[in-house]
Structure formats: structure tokens, C-alpha cells
C-alpha atoms as a PDB file:
ATOM      1  CA  MET A   1     143.008 258.530  47.023  1.00  0.00           C
ATOM      2  CA  ASN A   2     145.716 259.328  44.459  1.00  0.00           C
ATOM      3  CA  VAL A   3     143.083 259.504  41.702  1.00  0.00           C
ATOM      4  CA  LEU A   4     141.107 262.197  43.614  1.00  0.00           C
ATOM      5  CA  THR A   5     144.205 264.441  43.823  1.00  0.00           C
ATOM      6  CA  LYS A   6     145.028 264.285  40.067  1.00  0.00           C
ATOM      7  CA  HIS A   7     144.625 267.646  38.435  1.00  0.00           C
ATOM      8  CA  PHE A   8     142.142 268.370  35.666  1.00  0.00           C
ATOM      9  CA  ALA A   9     141.898 271.935  34.313  1.00  0.00           C
ATOM     10  CA  GLY A  10     143.923 273.307  37.176  1.00  0.00           C
ATOM     11  CA  GLN A  11     142.010 271.700  39.990  1.00  0.00           C
ATOM     12  CA  SER A  12     141.952 268.305  41.632  1.00  0.00           C
ATOM     13  CA  ILE A  13     139.105 265.908  40.775  1.00  0.00           C
ATOM     14  CA  LEU A  14     138.032 266.236  44.434  1.00  0.00           C
ATOM     15  CA  SER A  15     137.559 269.938  44.012  1.00  0.00           C
ATOM     16  CA  TRP A  16     135.446 269.435  40.857  1.00  0.00           C
ATOM     17  CA  PHE A  17     133.343 266.863  42.696  1.00  0.00           C
ATOM     18  CA  PHE A  18     132.559 269.235  45.597  1.00  0.00           C
ATOM     19  CA  GLN A  19     131.643 272.022  43.147  1.00  0.00           C
ATOM     20  CA  LEU A  20     129.364 269.740  41.177  1.00  0.00           C
ATOM     21  CA  LEU A  21     127.670 268.740  44.420  1.00  0.00           C
ATOM     22  CA  LEU A  22     127.153 272.338  45.410  1.00  0.00           C
ATOM     23  CA  ILE A  23     125.756 273.187  41.954  1.00  0.00           C
ATOM     24  CA  SER A  24     123.405 270.178  42.107  1.00  0.00           C
ATOM     25  CA  LEU A  25     122.180 271.227  45.583  1.00  0.00           C
ATOM     26  CA  ALA A  26     121.469 274.782  44.362  1.00  0.00           C
ATOM     27  CA  TRP A  27     119.661 273.381  41.255  1.00  0.00           C
ATOM     28  CA  LEU A  28     117.451 271.190  43.357  1.00  0.00           C
ATOM     29  CA  VAL A  29     116.557 273.995  45.670  1.00  0.00           C
ATOM     30  CA  ALA A  30     115.857 276.337  42.636  1.00  0.00           C
ATOM     31  CA  ASP A  31     113.507 273.723  41.090  1.00  0.00           C
ATOM     32  CA  ASN A  32     111.730 273.314  44.402  1.00  0.00           C
ATOM     33  CA  GLN A  33     112.615 269.584  44.504  1.00  0.00           C
ATOM     34  CA  LEU A  34     114.430 270.231  47.772  1.00  0.00           C
ATOM     35  CA  GLN A  35     113.278 272.618  50.474  1.00  0.00           C
ATOM     36  CA  ASN A  36     115.425 275.487  51.502  1.00  0.00           C
ATOM     37  CA  ASN A  37     115.464 274.746  55.228  1.00  0.00           C
ATOM     38  CA  ALA A  38     117.765 274.212  58.206  1.00  0.00           C
ATOM     39  CA  VAL A  39     119.373 271.122  56.553  1.00  0.00           C
ATOM     40  CA  THR A  40     120.142 272.452  53.054  1.00  0.00           C
ATOM     41  CA  ILE A  41     121.653 275.760  54.205  1.00  0.00           C
ATOM     42  CA  PRO A  42     124.325 274.217  56.505  1.00  0.00           C
ATOM     43  CA  GLY A  43     124.859 271.478  53.863  1.00  0.00           C
ATOM     44  CA  ALA A  44     125.702 274.215  51.314  1.00  0.00           C
ATOM     45  CA  GLY A  45     127.938 275.909  53.836  1.00  0.00           C
ATOM     46  CA  ILE A  46     129.780 272.647  54.519  1.00  0.00           C
ATOM     47  CA  LEU A  47     130.239 272.060  50.770  1.00  0.00           C
ATOM     48  CA  THR A  48     131.622 275.581  50.409  1.00  0.00           C
ATOM     49  CA  VAL A  49     134.122 275.019  53.237  1.00  0.00           C
ATOM     50  CA  LEU A  50     135.144 271.682  51.600  1.00  0.00           C
ATOM     51  CA  ILE A  51     135.686 273.459  48.316  1.00  0.00           C
ATOM     52  CA  TYR A  52     137.979 276.039  49.972  1.00  0.00           C
ATOM     53  CA  VAL A  53     139.887 273.351  51.765  1.00  0.00           C
ATOM     54  CA  SER A  54     140.414 271.330  48.598  1.00  0.00           C
ATOM     55  CA  PHE A  55     141.621 274.521  46.838  1.00  0.00           C
ATOM     56  CA  ALA A  56     144.127 275.094  49.723  1.00  0.00           C
ATOM     57  CA  LEU A  57     145.379 271.572  49.459  1.00  0.00           C
ATOM     58  CA  ASP A  58     145.733 271.994  45.663  1.00  0.00           C
ATOM     59  CA  ASN A  59     147.822 275.112  46.265  1.00  0.00           C
ATOM     60  CA  ARG A  60     149.991 273.332  48.815  1.00  0.00           C
ATOM     61  CA  HIS A  61     150.655 270.391  46.452  1.00  0.00           C
ATOM     62  CA  HIS A  62     151.208 272.754  43.497  1.00  0.00           C
ATOM     63  CA  GLY A  63     153.808 274.726  45.509  1.00  0.00           C
ATOM     64  CA  GLU A  64     155.735 271.578  46.351  1.00  0.00           C
ATOM     65  CA  LYS A  65     156.304 270.581  42.685  1.00  0.00           C
END
């Protein structure tokens, strides 16, 4: 878990991972490879919340140093 909290370009690797997942999801919907339905919309919402939580954790750890 220590590897996921390492910072790269000001953010943790976990934050980058969630952002890449959200970009991938949006790309798949835009290319019509994935339907924009009742599963993908909450999935995007959950990813967005996870991104904000990871940013908050990054801020907390950055403030402790």
C-alpha cells in the first residue's frame, strides 16, 4: 500500500490510477463501446468521489510532512 501513496507530479499514484480509470470510462462511452446507462453513470460518480477522497488524503499526508 505504501507504493500507492508515493507522490508523482504532486499526486499519489492511487489518484492517478482513479483519474485514468475515469478517462478510460469516458473514452469507451464516447466511442460507443460502452453504453451510457444506469451502470456507467453511477460508476463514473463513484470514480469521481474516489478521486476527491484520494486528493483529500494526499492533502492530509502533505500537511503532516
